[in-house]
Amino acid sequence: MEFESKITYAKHRVAEVCLWAVGTYFEPEYSRGRVLLANVVILLTALDDTWLPEAPNGIPDSMKHLYRVIIDFYDKLEDKLEKQGRSGCGFHLKKSLKSTANGYMQEVNWLRKDCIAKFDEYKENAILSSAYYVIMGVTFVGMGDVAKLDAFEWLSSHPKIRIAAEIICRFTDDITSYDGTCSDGHRLLHEAVLCFQGISLHGLFNIVSNAWKELNQELMRPHSFLFPFLMRILNLSRIIDVVYRYEDAYTHPEFLKEHIVSLLIENIPI
């Protein structure tokens, strides 16, 4: 994808996304799924780090390259799913990507207008910009033929477990960036909304805690869908707790080094 040479402004987190993928599904049969998920998280990281500039001379080449890479990636993925007899699944994957991109653009519009959104407006959009809808869909693809159109239709119907996982992702991240030291536009917006709307750290912890309760309830009651799919969503929430619980370790990867070394490099005593 030539990211490091052509998209120099984005975070490059290859080892970190591998940890993310292994945390989502560690089972040997999902090796291809882990590669797919890692690639998508890399794409989403670059998209999240991309801000549409006021460009009198046209869109920068780096943004054009990112656009082409993403479109080509999703077109090829959709074509592959069609050939596997999973018609319609690619449509839902693209739908999730558009939803996340729209969430990013709403944040850009608020920042350009110096607009502090109401908390309910912020929360609704922040769930989109968490990108976890995209990531959940991709993890379903990585499960193979068991993930047919009904799985993606169910995910698109906003099941409670999906919403709970998105809230956990978004607000666990917000908690770690609440200390006033954030510098990028997304985080400045998040912190501004939380501060000006009087949302305390205690309030954020309650939001995350309630989301975990909702997620666990969905796992314990008669399942709304096949359990292996619910486990993917649970594991995506668990890895968020690893990456963001104490620090924003994705932005500051030195805090993940110990996890990566112990999991991917050091031998496990037998």
C-alpha atoms as a PDB file:
ATOM      1  CA  MET A   1       0.000   0.000   0.000  1.00  0.00           C
ATOM      2  CA  GLU A   2       3.099   2.242   0.206  1.00  0.00           C
ATOM      3  CA  PHE A   3       1.714   4.068   3.215  1.00  0.00           C
ATOM      4  CA  GLU A   4       4.954   5.079   4.853  1.00  0.00           C
ATOM      5  CA  SER A   5       6.277   6.746   1.699  1.00  0.00           C
ATOM      6  CA  LYS A   6       3.064   8.285   0.363  1.00  0.00           C
ATOM      7  CA  ILE A   7       1.006   8.973   3.502  1.00  0.00           C
ATOM      8  CA  THR A   8       3.700  10.291   5.765  1.00  0.00           C
ATOM      9  CA  TYR A   9       1.403  12.094   8.217  1.00  0.00           C
ATOM     10  CA  ALA A  10      -0.446   8.967   9.398  1.00  0.00           C
ATOM     11  CA  LYS A  11       0.437   6.730  12.309  1.00  0.00           C
ATOM     12  CA  HIS A  12       2.159   3.519  11.225  1.00  0.00           C
ATOM     13  CA  ARG A  13       1.258   0.780  13.687  1.00  0.00           C
ATOM     14  CA  VAL A  14       1.907  -2.591  12.052  1.00  0.00           C
ATOM     15  CA  ALA A  15       2.863  -4.490  15.219  1.00  0.00           C
ATOM     16  CA  GLU A  16       0.056  -2.845  17.175  1.00  0.00           C
ATOM     17  CA  VAL A  17      -2.642  -3.814  14.667  1.00  0.00           C
ATOM     18  CA  CYS A  18      -1.320  -7.386  14.729  1.00  0.00           C
ATOM     19  CA  LEU A  19      -1.910  -7.386  18.485  1.00  0.00           C
ATOM     20  CA  TRP A  20      -5.406  -5.991  17.822  1.00  0.00           C
ATOM     21  CA  ALA A  21      -6.121  -8.794  15.340  1.00  0.00           C
ATOM     22  CA  VAL A  22      -4.832 -11.567  17.595  1.00  0.00           C
ATOM     23  CA  GLY A  23      -6.902 -10.178  20.461  1.00  0.00           C
ATOM     24  CA  THR A  24     -10.005 -10.294  18.281  1.00  0.00           C
ATOM     25  CA  TYR A  25      -9.597 -13.877  17.142  1.00  0.00           C
ATOM     26  CA  PHE A  26      -6.720 -16.010  18.298  1.00  0.00           C
ATOM     27  CA  GLU A  27      -7.991 -19.326  16.914  1.00  0.00           C
ATOM     28  CA  PRO A  28      -5.665 -20.895  14.271  1.00  0.00           C
ATOM     29  CA  GLU A  29      -8.431 -21.194  11.676  1.00  0.00           C
ATOM     30  CA  TYR A  30      -8.808 -17.413  11.567  1.00  0.00           C
ATOM     31  CA  SER A  31      -5.286 -16.621  10.354  1.00  0.00           C
ATOM     32  CA  ARG A  32      -6.580 -15.035   7.134  1.00  0.00           C
ATOM     33  CA  GLY A  33      -9.110 -13.085   9.122  1.00  0.00           C
ATOM     34  CA  ARG A  34      -6.345 -11.637  11.282  1.00  0.00           C
ATOM     35  CA  VAL A  35      -4.462 -10.449   8.196  1.00  0.00           C
ATOM     36  CA  LEU A  36      -7.630  -8.900   6.764  1.00  0.00           C
ATOM     37  CA  LEU A  37      -8.475  -7.149  10.019  1.00  0.00           C
ATOM     38  CA  ALA A  38      -4.933  -5.801  10.409  1.00  0.00           C
ATOM     39  CA  ASN A  39      -5.045  -4.329   6.909  1.00  0.00           C
ATOM     40  CA  VAL A  40      -8.390  -2.639   7.517  1.00  0.00           C
ATOM     41  CA  VAL A  41      -7.268  -1.130  10.834  1.00  0.00           C
ATOM     42  CA  ILE A  42      -4.222   0.298   9.020  1.00  0.00           C
ATOM     43  CA  LEU A  43      -6.535   1.836   6.407  1.00  0.00           C
ATOM     44  CA  LEU A  44      -8.847   3.256   9.064  1.00  0.00           C
ATOM     45  CA  THR A  45      -5.905   4.704  10.974  1.00  0.00           C
ATOM     46  CA  ALA A  46      -4.788   6.589   7.872  1.00  0.00           C
ATOM     47  CA  LEU A  47      -8.345   7.752   7.181  1.00  0.00           C
ATOM     48  CA  ASP A  48      -8.758   8.914  10.774  1.00  0.00           C
ATOM     49  CA  ASP A  49      -5.463  10.822  10.560  1.00  0.00           C
ATOM     50  CA  THR A  50      -6.523  12.508   7.297  1.00  0.00           C
ATOM     51  CA  TRP A  51      -8.060  15.939   7.453  1.00  0.00           C
ATOM     52  CA  LEU A  52      -9.645  17.473   4.375  1.00  0.00           C
ATOM     53  CA  PRO A  53      -7.705  20.727   3.964  1.00  0.00           C
ATOM     54  CA  GLU A  54      -8.748  24.011   2.513  1.00  0.00           C
ATOM     55  CA  ALA A  55      -6.912  23.210  -0.726  1.00  0.00           C
ATOM     56  CA  PRO A  56      -6.951  25.996  -3.318  1.00  0.00           C
ATOM     57  CA  ASN A  57      -4.524  23.978  -5.453  1.00  0.00           C
ATOM     58  CA  GLY A  58      -6.560  20.791  -5.311  1.00  0.00           C
ATOM     59  CA  ILE A  59      -6.583  17.713  -3.129  1.00  0.00           C
ATOM     60  CA  PRO A  60      -3.065  16.599  -2.054  1.00  0.00           C
ATOM     61  CA  ASP A  61      -1.574  13.540  -3.752  1.00  0.00           C
ATOM     62  CA  SER A  62      -1.421  11.718  -0.422  1.00  0.00           C
ATOM     63  CA  MET A  63      -5.193  11.944  -0.038  1.00  0.00           C
ATOM     64  CA  LYS A  64      -5.762  10.826  -3.630  1.00  0.00           C
ATOM     65  CA  HIS A  65      -3.537   7.817  -2.993  1.00  0.00           C
ATOM     66  CA  LEU A  66      -5.406   6.922   0.199  1.00  0.00           C
ATOM     67  CA  TYR A  67      -8.750   7.192  -1.589  1.00  0.00           C
ATOM     68  CA  ARG A  68      -7.582   4.929  -4.422  1.00  0.00           C
ATOM     69  CA  VAL A  69      -6.171   2.352  -2.011  1.00  0.00           C
ATOM     70  CA  ILE A  70      -9.356   2.181   0.054  1.00  0.00           C
ATOM     71  CA  ILE A  71     -11.672   1.963  -2.960  1.00  0.00           C
ATOM     72  CA  ASP A  72      -9.508  -0.688  -4.607  1.00  0.00           C
ATOM     73  CA  PHE A  73      -9.293  -2.704  -1.377  1.00  0.00           C
ATOM     74  CA  TYR A  74     -13.049  -2.744  -0.824  1.00  0.00           C
ATOM     75  CA  ASP A  75     -13.859  -3.414  -4.490  1.00  0.00           C
ATOM     76  CA  LYS A  76     -11.555  -6.445  -4.479  1.00  0.00           C
ATOM     77  CA  LEU A  77     -12.993  -7.650  -1.182  1.00  0.00           C
ATOM     78  CA  GLU A  78     -16.540  -7.342  -2.499  1.00  0.00           C
ATOM     79  CA  ASP A  79     -15.608  -9.205  -5.680  1.00  0.00           C
ATOM     80  CA  LYS A  80     -14.013 -11.991  -3.634  1.00  0.00           C
ATOM     81  CA  LEU A  81     -17.129 -12.338  -1.491  1.00  0.00           C
ATOM     82  CA  GLU A  82     -19.315 -12.505  -4.598  1.00  0.00           C
ATOM     83  CA  LYS A  83     -17.191 -15.342  -5.979  1.00  0.00           C
ATOM     84  CA  GLN A  84     -17.538 -17.183  -2.669  1.00  0.00           C
ATOM     85  CA  GLY A  85     -21.313 -17.032  -2.959  1.00  0.00           C
ATOM     86  CA  ARG A  86     -21.692 -14.344  -0.301  1.00  0.00           C
ATOM     87  CA  SER A  87     -23.539 -11.881  -2.484  1.00  0.00           C
ATOM     88  CA  GLY A  88     -24.585  -8.636  -0.808  1.00  0.00           C
ATOM     89  CA  CYS A  89     -22.030  -8.804   2.007  1.00  0.00           C
ATOM     90  CA  GLY A  90     -19.710  -6.346   0.267  1.00  0.00           C
ATOM     91  CA  PHE A  91     -22.549  -3.810   0.099  1.00  0.00           C
ATOM     92  CA  HIS A  92     -22.824  -3.810   3.888  1.00  0.00           C
ATOM     93  CA  LEU A  93     -19.043  -3.477   4.285  1.00  0.00           C
ATOM     94  CA  LYS A  94     -19.033  -0.397   2.053  1.00  0.00           C
ATOM     95  CA  LYS A  95     -22.064   0.952   3.903  1.00  0.00           C
ATOM     96  CA  SER A  96     -20.195   0.716   7.203  1.00  0.00           C
ATOM     97  CA  LEU A  97     -17.156   2.469   5.715  1.00  0.00           C
ATOM     98  CA  LYS A  98     -19.285   5.329   4.378  1.00  0.00           C
ATOM     99  CA  SER A  99     -20.945   5.668   7.772  1.00  0.00           C
ATOM    100  CA  THR A 100     -17.578   6.031   9.503  1.00  0.00           C
ATOM    101  CA  ALA A 101     -16.265   8.479   6.893  1.00  0.00           C
ATOM    102  CA  ASN A 102     -19.404  10.599   7.373  1.00  0.00           C
ATOM    103  CA  GLY A 103     -18.701  10.594  11.097  1.00  0.00           C
ATOM    104  CA  TYR A 104     -15.193  11.905  10.482  1.00  0.00           C
ATOM    105  CA  MET A 105     -16.525  14.608   8.162  1.00  0.00           C
ATOM    106  CA  GLN A 106     -19.072  15.750  10.746  1.00  0.00           C
ATOM    107  CA  GLU A 107     -16.216  16.252  13.199  1.00  0.00           C
ATOM    108  CA  VAL A 108     -14.328  18.276  10.583  1.00  0.00           C
ATOM    109  CA  ASN A 109     -17.383  20.467   9.983  1.00  0.00           C
ATOM    110  CA  TRP A 110     -17.821  21.123  13.702  1.00  0.00           C
ATOM    111  CA  LEU A 111     -14.172  22.093  14.058  1.00  0.00           C
ATOM    112  CA  ARG A 112     -14.203  24.406  11.035  1.00  0.00           C
ATOM    113  CA  LYS A 113     -17.258  26.217  12.383  1.00  0.00           C
ATOM    114  CA  ASP A 114     -15.887  26.332  15.954  1.00  0.00           C
ATOM    115  CA  CYS A 115     -19.070  24.525  16.923  1.00  0.00           C
ATOM    116  CA  ILE A 116     -19.375  22.724  20.253  1.00  0.00           C
ATOM    117  CA  ALA A 117     -21.992  20.051  19.671  1.00  0.00           C
ATOM    118  CA  LYS A 118     -24.529  19.047  22.266  1.00  0.00           C
ATOM    119  CA  PHE A 119     -23.471  15.887  24.048  1.00  0.00           C
ATOM    120  CA  ASP A 120     -26.251  13.761  22.548  1.00  0.00           C
ATOM    121  CA  GLU A 121     -25.251  14.918  19.052  1.00  0.00           C
ATOM    122  CA  TYR A 122     -21.612  14.254  19.818  1.00  0.00           C
ATOM    123  CA  LYS A 123     -22.361  10.795  21.226  1.00  0.00           C
ATOM    124  CA  GLU A 124     -24.397   9.757  18.177  1.00  0.00           C
ATOM    125  CA  ASN A 125     -21.644  10.850  15.803  1.00  0.00           C
ATOM    126  CA  ALA A 126     -18.799   9.599  17.996  1.00  0.00           C
ATOM    127  CA  ILE A 127     -20.205   6.083  17.812  1.00  0.00           C
ATOM    128  CA  LEU A 128     -19.892   6.310  14.021  1.00  0.00           C
ATOM    129  CA  SER A 129     -16.377   7.761  14.112  1.00  0.00           C
ATOM    130  CA  SER A 130     -15.224   5.018  16.483  1.00  0.00           C
ATOM    131  CA  ALA A 131     -15.053   2.897  13.274  1.00  0.00           C
ATOM    132  CA  TYR A 132     -16.098  -0.182  15.193  1.00  0.00           C
ATOM    133  CA  TYR A 133     -19.027  -0.826  12.862  1.00  0.00           C
ATOM    134  CA  VAL A 134     -16.482  -1.185  10.049  1.00  0.00           C
ATOM    135  CA  ILE A 135     -14.200  -3.367  12.126  1.00  0.00           C
ATOM    136  CA  MET A 136     -16.995  -5.683  13.288  1.00  0.00           C
ATOM    137  CA  GLY A 137     -18.073  -6.251   9.697  1.00  0.00           C
ATOM    138  CA  VAL A 138     -14.524  -7.100   8.654  1.00  0.00           C
ATOM    139  CA  THR A 139     -14.136  -9.587  11.509  1.00  0.00           C
ATOM    140  CA  PHE A 140     -17.276 -11.310  10.243  1.00  0.00           C
ATOM    141  CA  VAL A 141     -15.710 -11.642   6.787  1.00  0.00           C
ATOM    142  CA  GLY A 142     -12.660 -13.258   8.376  1.00  0.00           C
ATOM    143  CA  MET A 143     -14.825 -16.020   9.857  1.00  0.00           C
ATOM    144  CA  GLY A 144     -15.296 -17.583   6.435  1.00  0.00           C
ATOM    145  CA  ASP A 145     -18.395 -19.061   4.813  1.00  0.00           C
ATOM    146  CA  VAL A 146     -20.349 -19.084   8.075  1.00  0.00           C
ATOM    147  CA  ALA A 147     -20.662 -15.299   7.714  1.00  0.00           C
ATOM    148  CA  LYS A 148     -23.351 -14.926   5.095  1.00  0.00           C
ATOM    149  CA  LEU A 149     -25.643 -12.032   4.227  1.00  0.00           C
ATOM    150  CA  ASP A 150     -27.870 -12.537   7.275  1.00  0.00           C
ATOM    151  CA  ALA A 151     -24.915 -11.824   9.587  1.00  0.00           C
ATOM    152  CA  PHE A 152     -24.235  -8.454   7.956  1.00  0.00           C
ATOM    153  CA  GLU A 153     -27.929  -7.560   7.852  1.00  0.00           C
ATOM    154  CA  TRP A 154     -28.142  -8.321  11.563  1.00  0.00           C
ATOM    155  CA  LEU A 155     -25.094  -6.149  12.278  1.00  0.00           C
ATOM    156  CA  SER A 156     -26.560  -3.314  10.194  1.00  0.00           C
ATOM    157  CA  SER A 157     -29.776  -3.436  12.245  1.00  0.00           C
ATOM    158  CA  HIS A 158     -28.011  -1.781  15.228  1.00  0.00           C
ATOM    159  CA  PRO A 159     -28.226  -4.698  17.692  1.00  0.00           C
ATOM    160  CA  LYS A 160     -27.688  -3.744  21.323  1.00  0.00           C
ATOM    161  CA  ILE A 161     -24.375  -5.584  21.558  1.00  0.00           C
ATOM    162  CA  ARG A 162     -22.963  -3.613  18.620  1.00  0.00           C
ATOM    163  CA  ILE A 163     -23.996  -0.276  20.136  1.00  0.00           C
ATOM    164  CA  ALA A 164     -22.547  -1.262  23.516  1.00  0.00           C
ATOM    165  CA  ALA A 165     -19.206  -2.185  21.919  1.00  0.00           C
ATOM    166  CA  GLU A 166     -19.097   1.090  19.966  1.00  0.00           C
ATOM    167  CA  ILE A 167     -19.724   3.073  23.161  1.00  0.00           C
ATOM    168  CA  ILE A 168     -16.985   1.138  24.974  1.00  0.00           C
ATOM    169  CA  CYS A 169     -14.566   1.865  22.138  1.00  0.00           C
ATOM    170  CA  ARG A 170     -15.338   5.572  21.827  1.00  0.00           C
ATOM    171  CA  PHE A 171     -15.554   6.570  25.461  1.00  0.00           C
ATOM    172  CA  THR A 172     -12.724   4.409  26.797  1.00  0.00           C
ATOM    173  CA  ASP A 173     -10.555   6.287  24.302  1.00  0.00           C
ATOM    174  CA  ASP A 174     -12.063   9.619  25.389  1.00  0.00           C
ATOM    175  CA  ILE A 175     -11.286   8.889  29.044  1.00  0.00           C
ATOM    176  CA  THR A 176      -7.567   8.425  28.334  1.00  0.00           C
ATOM    177  CA  SER A 177      -7.420  11.723  26.386  1.00  0.00           C
ATOM    178  CA  TYR A 178      -9.341  13.778  28.953  1.00  0.00           C
ATOM    179  CA  ASP A 179      -6.277  15.248  30.639  1.00  0.00           C
ATOM    180  CA  GLY A 180      -5.967  18.300  28.368  1.00  0.00           C
ATOM    181  CA  THR A 181      -2.773  17.193  26.640  1.00  0.00           C
ATOM    182  CA  CYS A 182      -4.371  16.116  23.358  1.00  0.00           C
ATOM    183  CA  SER A 183      -3.190  17.821  20.191  1.00  0.00           C
ATOM    184  CA  ASP A 184      -4.959  16.401  17.147  1.00  0.00           C
ATOM    185  CA  GLY A 185      -8.251  17.764  15.919  1.00  0.00           C
ATOM    186  CA  HIS A 186     -10.412  14.767  16.727  1.00  0.00           C
ATOM    187  CA  ARG A 187      -9.303  14.714  20.332  1.00  0.00           C
ATOM    188  CA  LEU A 188      -9.611  18.468  20.739  1.00  0.00           C
ATOM    189  CA  LEU A 189     -13.200  18.191  19.567  1.00  0.00           C
ATOM    190  CA  HIS A 190     -13.955  15.282  21.902  1.00  0.00           C
ATOM    191  CA  GLU A 191     -12.481  17.065  24.893  1.00  0.00           C
ATOM    192  CA  ALA A 192     -14.170  20.365  24.074  1.00  0.00           C
ATOM    193  CA  VAL A 193     -17.593  18.721  23.927  1.00  0.00           C
ATOM    194  CA  LEU A 194     -17.055  16.845  27.170  1.00  0.00           C
ATOM    195  CA  CYS A 195     -15.761  19.918  28.999  1.00  0.00           C
ATOM    196  CA  PHE A 196     -18.301  22.449  27.736  1.00  0.00           C
ATOM    197  CA  GLN A 197     -21.235  20.088  28.242  1.00  0.00           C
ATOM    198  CA  GLY A 198     -20.120  19.428  31.802  1.00  0.00           C
ATOM    199  CA  ILE A 199     -19.413  15.720  31.318  1.00  0.00           C
ATOM    200  CA  SER A 200     -17.042  14.621  34.063  1.00  0.00           C
ATOM    201  CA  LEU A 201     -14.637  11.717  34.063  1.00  0.00           C
ATOM    202  CA  HIS A 202     -16.992  10.021  36.498  1.00  0.00           C
ATOM    203  CA  GLY A 203     -19.782  10.461  33.967  1.00  0.00           C
ATOM    204  CA  LEU A 204     -17.678   8.879  31.233  1.00  0.00           C
ATOM    205  CA  PHE A 205     -16.795   5.942  33.464  1.00  0.00           C
ATOM    206  CA  ASN A 206     -20.510   5.415  34.125  1.00  0.00           C
ATOM    207  CA  ILE A 207     -21.245   5.447  30.388  1.00  0.00           C
ATOM    208  CA  VAL A 208     -18.567   2.809  29.752  1.00  0.00           C
ATOM    209  CA  SER A 209     -19.619   0.735  32.769  1.00  0.00           C
ATOM    210  CA  ASN A 210     -23.250   0.684  31.650  1.00  0.00           C
ATOM    211  CA  ALA A 211     -22.174  -0.305  28.135  1.00  0.00           C
ATOM    212  CA  TRP A 212     -20.230  -3.266  29.539  1.00  0.00           C
ATOM    213  CA  LYS A 213     -23.331  -4.319  31.495  1.00  0.00           C
ATOM    214  CA  GLU A 214     -25.432  -4.102  28.331  1.00  0.00           C
ATOM    215  CA  LEU A 215     -22.862  -6.137  26.392  1.00  0.00           C
ATOM    216  CA  ASN A 216     -22.710  -8.839  29.061  1.00  0.00           C
ATOM    217  CA  GLN A 217     -26.501  -9.033  29.253  1.00  0.00           C
ATOM    218  CA  GLU A 218     -26.646  -9.629  25.507  1.00  0.00           C
ATOM    219  CA  LEU A 219     -24.179 -12.498  25.920  1.00  0.00           C
ATOM    220  CA  MET A 220     -26.065 -14.148  28.803  1.00  0.00           C
ATOM    221  CA  ARG A 221     -29.666 -13.967  27.598  1.00  0.00           C
ATOM    222  CA  PRO A 222     -30.984 -16.073  24.700  1.00  0.00           C
ATOM    223  CA  HIS A 223     -28.672 -14.933  21.967  1.00  0.00           C
ATOM    224  CA  SER A 224     -29.908 -12.482  19.373  1.00  0.00           C
ATOM    225  CA  PHE A 225     -27.558 -14.115  16.852  1.00  0.00           C
ATOM    226  CA  LEU A 226     -25.046 -16.951  16.512  1.00  0.00           C
ATOM    227  CA  PHE A 227     -22.660 -16.994  19.456  1.00  0.00           C
ATOM    228  CA  PRO A 228     -19.373 -17.052  17.450  1.00  0.00           C
ATOM    229  CA  PHE A 229     -20.298 -13.648  16.008  1.00  0.00           C
ATOM    230  CA  LEU A 230     -21.095 -12.277  19.450  1.00  0.00           C
ATOM    231  CA  MET A 231     -17.684 -13.465  20.633  1.00  0.00           C
ATOM    232  CA  ARG A 232     -15.982 -11.400  17.940  1.00  0.00           C
ATOM    233  CA  ILE A 233     -17.744  -8.303  19.256  1.00  0.00           C
ATOM    234  CA  LEU A 234     -16.837  -9.205  22.846  1.00  0.00           C
ATOM    235  CA  ASN A 235     -13.180  -9.691  21.917  1.00  0.00           C
ATOM    236  CA  LEU A 236     -13.097  -6.358  20.055  1.00  0.00           C
ATOM    237  CA  SER A 237     -14.293  -4.732  23.276  1.00  0.00           C
ATOM    238  CA  ARG A 238     -11.691  -6.574  25.310  1.00  0.00           C
ATOM    239  CA  ILE A 239      -8.831  -5.395  23.111  1.00  0.00           C
ATOM    240  CA  ILE A 240     -10.035  -1.805  23.544  1.00  0.00           C
ATOM    241  CA  ASP A 241      -9.598  -2.316  27.280  1.00  0.00           C
ATOM    242  CA  VAL A 242      -6.007  -3.434  26.655  1.00  0.00           C
ATOM    243  CA  VAL A 243      -5.118  -0.572  24.318  1.00  0.00           C
ATOM    244  CA  TYR A 244      -6.917   2.337  26.009  1.00  0.00           C
ATOM    245  CA  ARG A 245      -7.627   1.487  29.634  1.00  0.00           C
ATOM    246  CA  TYR A 246      -4.679   3.298  31.209  1.00  0.00           C
ATOM    247  CA  GLU A 247      -3.122   5.211  28.309  1.00  0.00           C
ATOM    248  CA  ASP A 248      -3.870   5.898  24.673  1.00  0.00           C
ATOM    249  CA  ALA A 249      -1.406   3.177  23.800  1.00  0.00           C
ATOM    250  CA  TYR A 250      -2.259   3.280  20.096  1.00  0.00           C
ATOM    251  CA  THR A 251      -1.060   6.880  19.838  1.00  0.00           C
ATOM    252  CA  HIS A 252       1.801   6.143  22.269  1.00  0.00           C
ATOM    253  CA  PRO A 253       2.778   2.572  21.281  1.00  0.00           C
ATOM    254  CA  GLU A 254       5.570   2.349  23.841  1.00  0.00           C
ATOM    255  CA  PHE A 255       2.835   1.402  26.318  1.00  0.00           C
ATOM    256  CA  LEU A 256       1.978  -1.656  24.189  1.00  0.00           C
ATOM    257  CA  LYS A 257       5.547  -2.846  23.696  1.00  0.00           C
ATOM    258  CA  GLU A 258       5.482  -5.245  26.640  1.00  0.00           C
ATOM    259  CA  HIS A 259       2.252  -6.842  25.417  1.00  0.00           C
ATOM    260  CA  ILE A 260       3.558  -7.208  21.857  1.00  0.00           C
ATOM    261  CA  VAL A 261       6.896  -8.680  22.909  1.00  0.00           C
ATOM    262  CA  SER A 262       5.347 -11.160  25.352  1.00  0.00           C
ATOM    263  CA  LEU A 263       2.711 -12.302  22.851  1.00  0.00           C
ATOM    264  CA  LEU A 264       4.542 -12.285  19.518  1.00  0.00           C
ATOM    265  CA  ILE A 265       8.261 -12.619  20.323  1.00  0.00           C
ATOM    266  CA  GLU A 266       8.958 -14.341  23.632  1.00  0.00           C
ATOM    267  CA  ASN A 267       8.527 -18.102  23.943  1.00  0.00           C
ATOM    268  CA  ILE A 268       5.777 -19.401  26.191  1.00  0.00           C
ATOM    269  CA  PRO A 269       7.190 -21.808  28.813  1.00  0.00           C
ATOM    270  CA  ILE A 270       5.708 -25.310  28.558  1.00  0.00           C
END
